Amino acid sequence: SVTLTLLLTAVAFQFVLHDEVPKKAYWTILDWIMSAGLFVQLITCLLVFLNADDPHSPETSRAIFWELTDDSVREVERIFIYALMLPWVAGNAIMIV
């Protein structure tokens, strides 16, 4: 529930900023950062959903339903980290220069 709350908060923040930021025909750095943040939060929500258990039915696990093991979850997280590490490092390098 925390990840979904953060996602909704980010969307609300984007609505607030929409009226305050000058309108441009192209994407600014702020647009890219906000979109990347929303994307990361959405992927995080999906990962939490896929690995969460159903509290109303303890004998069935969503992880078993999706055939997720600890190793497969670690592999998905590893891919997620590597897929985001390069753009993050590149983006920060561009911001420094």
N, C-alpha and C. Protein backbone atom coordinates (compact mmCIF):
# COMPACT_ATOMS: atom_id res chain seq x y z
N SER A 1 0.82 -1.19 0.00
CA SER A 1 0.00 0.00 0.00
C SER A 1 0.87 1.26 0.00
N VAL A 2 2.06 1.16 0.56
CA VAL A 2 2.94 2.33 0.59
C VAL A 2 3.40 2.69 -0.82
N THR A 3 3.73 1.69 -1.62
CA THR A 3 4.20 1.98 -2.98
C THR A 3 3.09 2.60 -3.82
N LEU A 4 1.87 2.12 -3.66
CA LEU A 4 0.75 2.70 -4.40
C LEU A 4 0.46 4.12 -3.93
N THR A 5 0.57 4.38 -2.62
CA THR A 5 0.39 5.73 -2.10
C THR A 5 1.44 6.68 -2.66
N LEU A 6 2.69 6.22 -2.74
CA LEU A 6 3.74 7.06 -3.31
C LEU A 6 3.49 7.34 -4.79
N LEU A 7 3.01 6.35 -5.51
CA LEU A 7 2.70 6.54 -6.93
C LEU A 7 1.58 7.58 -7.10
N LEU A 8 0.53 7.47 -6.31
CA LEU A 8 -0.57 8.43 -6.39
C LEU A 8 -0.12 9.83 -5.97
N THR A 9 0.76 9.91 -4.99
CA THR A 9 1.29 11.20 -4.56
C THR A 9 2.11 11.84 -5.68
N ALA A 10 2.91 11.05 -6.37
CA ALA A 10 3.71 11.58 -7.48
C ALA A 10 2.82 12.08 -8.61
N VAL A 11 1.74 11.35 -8.89
CA VAL A 11 0.81 11.79 -9.94
C VAL A 11 0.13 13.09 -9.52
N ALA A 12 -0.28 13.20 -8.26
CA ALA A 12 -0.89 14.44 -7.77
C ALA A 12 0.10 15.59 -7.84
N PHE A 13 1.35 15.33 -7.50
CA PHE A 13 2.39 16.36 -7.57
C PHE A 13 2.58 16.83 -9.00
N GLN A 14 2.49 15.91 -9.94
CA GLN A 14 2.62 16.27 -11.35
C GLN A 14 1.45 17.15 -11.80
N PHE A 15 0.26 16.87 -11.31
CA PHE A 15 -0.89 17.72 -11.63
C PHE A 15 -0.70 19.13 -11.07
N VAL A 16 -0.15 19.24 -9.86
CA VAL A 16 0.09 20.55 -9.26
C VAL A 16 1.14 21.31 -10.07
N LEU A 17 2.20 20.63 -10.46
CA LEU A 17 3.26 21.28 -11.23
C LEU A 17 2.82 21.66 -12.64
N HIS A 18 1.83 20.97 -13.17
CA HIS A 18 1.39 21.20 -14.55
C HIS A 18 1.00 22.66 -14.76
N ASP A 19 0.33 23.28 -13.79
CA ASP A 19 -0.09 24.68 -13.94
C ASP A 19 1.04 25.66 -13.64
N GLU A 20 2.04 25.24 -12.89
CA GLU A 20 3.12 26.13 -12.48
C GLU A 20 4.29 26.20 -13.45
N VAL A 21 4.46 25.16 -14.24
CA VAL A 21 5.61 25.07 -15.15
C VAL A 21 5.22 25.66 -16.51
N PRO A 22 6.10 26.46 -17.11
CA PRO A 22 5.78 27.01 -18.43
C PRO A 22 5.55 25.90 -19.46
N LYS A 23 4.61 26.15 -20.36
CA LYS A 23 4.29 25.16 -21.40
C LYS A 23 5.35 25.22 -22.50
N LYS A 24 5.88 24.06 -22.85
CA LYS A 24 6.89 23.94 -23.92
C LYS A 24 6.42 22.91 -24.91
N ALA A 25 6.86 23.05 -26.15
CA ALA A 25 6.51 22.09 -27.19
C ALA A 25 7.38 20.84 -27.12
N TYR A 26 8.41 20.86 -26.29
CA TYR A 26 9.33 19.74 -26.15
C TYR A 26 9.42 19.36 -24.67
N TRP A 27 10.00 18.20 -24.42
CA TRP A 27 10.15 17.74 -23.04
C TRP A 27 11.38 18.40 -22.40
N THR A 28 11.20 18.93 -21.22
CA THR A 28 12.30 19.52 -20.48
C THR A 28 12.93 18.45 -19.59
N ILE A 29 14.00 18.80 -18.92
CA ILE A 29 14.66 17.86 -18.00
C ILE A 29 13.69 17.47 -16.89
N LEU A 30 12.89 18.42 -16.41
CA LEU A 30 11.91 18.11 -15.36
C LEU A 30 10.89 17.09 -15.85
N ASP A 31 10.45 17.21 -17.10
CA ASP A 31 9.51 16.22 -17.65
C ASP A 31 10.13 14.82 -17.67
N TRP A 32 11.37 14.74 -18.09
CA TRP A 32 12.06 13.44 -18.14
C TRP A 32 12.22 12.86 -16.74
N ILE A 33 12.60 13.69 -15.78
CA ILE A 33 12.81 13.21 -14.41
C ILE A 33 11.50 12.74 -13.80
N MET A 34 10.43 13.52 -13.98
CA MET A 34 9.14 13.13 -13.43
C MET A 34 8.61 11.85 -14.09
N SER A 35 8.77 11.73 -15.39
CA SER A 35 8.31 10.53 -16.09
C SER A 35 9.12 9.30 -15.67
N ALA A 36 10.42 9.47 -15.52
CA ALA A 36 11.26 8.36 -15.07
C ALA A 36 10.88 7.94 -13.65
N GLY A 37 10.60 8.92 -12.79
CA GLY A 37 10.18 8.61 -11.42
C GLY A 37 8.87 7.84 -11.39
N LEU A 38 7.91 8.26 -12.22
CA LEU A 38 6.64 7.54 -12.29
C LEU A 38 6.83 6.13 -12.82
N PHE A 39 7.70 5.98 -13.81
CA PHE A 39 7.97 4.66 -14.37
C PHE A 39 8.59 3.74 -13.32
N VAL A 40 9.56 4.23 -12.58
CA VAL A 40 10.21 3.43 -11.53
C VAL A 40 9.19 3.04 -10.46
N GLN A 41 8.34 3.97 -10.06
CA GLN A 41 7.34 3.66 -9.05
C GLN A 41 6.31 2.65 -9.56
N LEU A 42 5.95 2.76 -10.82
CA LEU A 42 5.01 1.80 -11.40
C LEU A 42 5.61 0.40 -11.43
N ILE A 43 6.86 0.29 -11.85
CA ILE A 43 7.53 -1.02 -11.87
C ILE A 43 7.65 -1.58 -10.45
N THR A 44 7.94 -0.71 -9.49
CA THR A 44 8.03 -1.15 -8.10
C THR A 44 6.69 -1.69 -7.61
N CYS A 45 5.60 -0.99 -7.95
CA CYS A 45 4.27 -1.47 -7.57
C CYS A 45 3.99 -2.84 -8.18
N LEU A 46 4.37 -3.02 -9.44
CA LEU A 46 4.16 -4.30 -10.09
C LEU A 46 4.97 -5.41 -9.43
N LEU A 47 6.22 -5.13 -9.08
CA LEU A 47 7.05 -6.13 -8.41
C LEU A 47 6.49 -6.51 -7.05
N VAL A 48 6.00 -5.52 -6.31
CA VAL A 48 5.40 -5.80 -5.01
C VAL A 48 4.13 -6.62 -5.18
N PHE A 49 3.31 -6.26 -6.17
CA PHE A 49 2.07 -7.01 -6.42
C PHE A 49 2.36 -8.46 -6.79
N LEU A 50 3.32 -8.68 -7.65
CA LEU A 50 3.62 -10.03 -8.10
C LEU A 50 4.19 -10.91 -6.99
N ASN A 51 4.81 -10.30 -6.00
CA ASN A 51 5.44 -11.10 -4.95
C ASN A 51 4.67 -11.06 -3.63
N ALA A 52 3.50 -10.43 -3.62
CA ALA A 52 2.73 -10.31 -2.37
C ALA A 52 1.87 -11.56 -2.16
N ASP A 53 1.63 -11.85 -0.92
CA ASP A 53 0.74 -12.96 -0.56
C ASP A 53 -0.65 -12.42 -0.25
N ASP A 54 -1.65 -13.28 -0.40
CA ASP A 54 -3.02 -12.91 -0.11
C ASP A 54 -3.27 -13.09 1.39
N PRO A 55 -3.54 -12.01 2.13
CA PRO A 55 -3.70 -12.14 3.58
C PRO A 55 -4.98 -12.88 3.97
N HIS A 56 -5.97 -12.97 3.06
CA HIS A 56 -7.23 -13.63 3.38
C HIS A 56 -7.16 -15.14 3.15
N SER A 57 -6.13 -15.58 2.46
CA SER A 57 -5.99 -17.00 2.18
C SER A 57 -4.54 -17.40 2.37
N PRO A 58 -4.15 -17.71 3.61
CA PRO A 58 -2.74 -17.99 3.88
C PRO A 58 -2.20 -19.24 3.19
N GLU A 59 -3.09 -20.18 2.82
CA GLU A 59 -2.58 -21.40 2.19
C GLU A 59 -2.21 -21.17 0.73
N THR A 60 -2.73 -20.14 0.10
CA THR A 60 -2.35 -19.84 -1.28
C THR A 60 -1.45 -18.61 -1.28
N SER A 61 -0.42 -18.71 -2.01
CA SER A 61 0.54 -17.61 -2.11
C SER A 61 0.56 -17.13 -3.55
N ARG A 62 0.51 -15.82 -3.73
CA ARG A 62 0.58 -15.28 -5.08
C ARG A 62 1.93 -15.59 -5.70
N ALA A 63 2.96 -15.68 -4.87
CA ALA A 63 4.28 -16.02 -5.39
C ALA A 63 4.26 -17.43 -6.00
N ILE A 64 3.52 -18.33 -5.39
CA ILE A 64 3.40 -19.68 -5.95
C ILE A 64 2.53 -19.65 -7.20
N PHE A 65 1.46 -18.84 -7.16
CA PHE A 65 0.58 -18.73 -8.32
C PHE A 65 1.34 -18.25 -9.54
N TRP A 66 2.22 -17.29 -9.36
CA TRP A 66 3.01 -16.76 -10.47
C TRP A 66 4.28 -17.56 -10.68
N GLU A 67 4.46 -18.63 -9.90
CA GLU A 67 5.63 -19.49 -9.97
C GLU A 67 6.92 -18.69 -9.75
N LEU A 68 6.87 -17.79 -8.79
CA LEU A 68 8.05 -17.00 -8.45
C LEU A 68 8.78 -17.68 -7.30
N THR A 69 10.06 -17.82 -7.49
CA THR A 69 10.90 -18.31 -6.41
C THR A 69 11.80 -17.17 -5.98
N ASP A 70 12.50 -17.38 -4.88
CA ASP A 70 13.42 -16.34 -4.43
C ASP A 70 14.46 -16.02 -5.50
N ASP A 71 14.92 -17.05 -6.20
CA ASP A 71 15.93 -16.83 -7.25
C ASP A 71 15.36 -16.02 -8.42
N SER A 72 14.13 -16.32 -8.83
CA SER A 72 13.55 -15.59 -9.96
C SER A 72 13.24 -14.14 -9.57
N VAL A 73 12.83 -13.93 -8.31
CA VAL A 73 12.58 -12.56 -7.85
C VAL A 73 13.89 -11.78 -7.82
N ARG A 74 14.95 -12.41 -7.34
CA ARG A 74 16.26 -11.75 -7.33
C ARG A 74 16.72 -11.42 -8.75
N GLU A 75 16.44 -12.31 -9.70
CA GLU A 75 16.83 -12.06 -11.09
C GLU A 75 16.05 -10.88 -11.67
N VAL A 76 14.76 -10.80 -11.40
CA VAL A 76 13.96 -9.67 -11.86
C VAL A 76 14.47 -8.38 -11.24
N GLU A 77 14.75 -8.40 -9.95
CA GLU A 77 15.28 -7.21 -9.27
C GLU A 77 16.64 -6.82 -9.83
N ARG A 78 17.48 -7.80 -10.14
CA ARG A 78 18.80 -7.51 -10.71
C ARG A 78 18.66 -6.83 -12.08
N ILE A 79 17.77 -7.36 -12.91
CA ILE A 79 17.53 -6.75 -14.22
C ILE A 79 16.99 -5.33 -14.05
N PHE A 80 16.08 -5.16 -13.11
CA PHE A 80 15.49 -3.85 -12.83
C PHE A 80 16.57 -2.86 -12.39
N ILE A 81 17.46 -3.29 -11.53
CA ILE A 81 18.53 -2.41 -11.05
C ILE A 81 19.47 -2.02 -12.18
N TYR A 82 19.90 -2.99 -12.97
CA TYR A 82 20.82 -2.70 -14.06
C TYR A 82 20.16 -1.84 -15.14
N ALA A 83 18.88 -2.08 -15.40
CA ALA A 83 18.18 -1.30 -16.43
C ALA A 83 18.03 0.16 -16.02
N LEU A 84 18.02 0.42 -14.73
CA LEU A 84 17.87 1.80 -14.26
C LEU A 84 19.19 2.45 -13.85
N MET A 85 20.21 1.65 -13.58
CA MET A 85 21.47 2.21 -13.12
C MET A 85 22.15 3.04 -14.21
N LEU A 86 22.20 2.53 -15.42
CA LEU A 86 22.87 3.24 -16.51
C LEU A 86 22.19 4.57 -16.82
N PRO A 87 20.84 4.62 -16.99
CA PRO A 87 20.22 5.93 -17.22
C PRO A 87 20.40 6.89 -16.06
N TRP A 88 20.39 6.36 -14.83
CA TRP A 88 20.56 7.23 -13.67
C TRP A 88 21.96 7.86 -13.65
N VAL A 89 22.98 7.04 -13.89
CA VAL A 89 24.35 7.53 -13.91
C VAL A 89 24.54 8.51 -15.08
N ALA A 90 24.00 8.17 -16.25
CA ALA A 90 24.13 9.05 -17.41
C ALA A 90 23.40 10.37 -17.17
N GLY A 91 22.21 10.29 -16.61
CA GLY A 91 21.45 11.52 -16.32
C GLY A 91 22.15 12.41 -15.34
N ASN A 92 22.72 11.83 -14.29
CA ASN A 92 23.45 12.65 -13.32
C ASN A 92 24.74 13.21 -13.90
N ALA A 93 25.38 12.45 -14.76
CA ALA A 93 26.60 12.97 -15.42
C ALA A 93 26.25 14.16 -16.31
N ILE A 94 25.13 14.08 -17.00
CA ILE A 94 24.70 15.20 -17.85
C ILE A 94 24.36 16.41 -17.00
N MET A 95 23.71 16.20 -15.86
CA MET A 95 23.34 17.31 -14.98
C MET A 95 24.57 17.99 -14.40
N ILE A 96 25.63 17.23 -14.13
CA ILE A 96 26.86 17.81 -13.57
C ILE A 96 27.56 18.68 -14.60
N VAL A 97 27.60 18.20 -15.83
CA VAL A 97 28.28 18.93 -16.91
C VAL A 97 27.42 20.06 -17.31
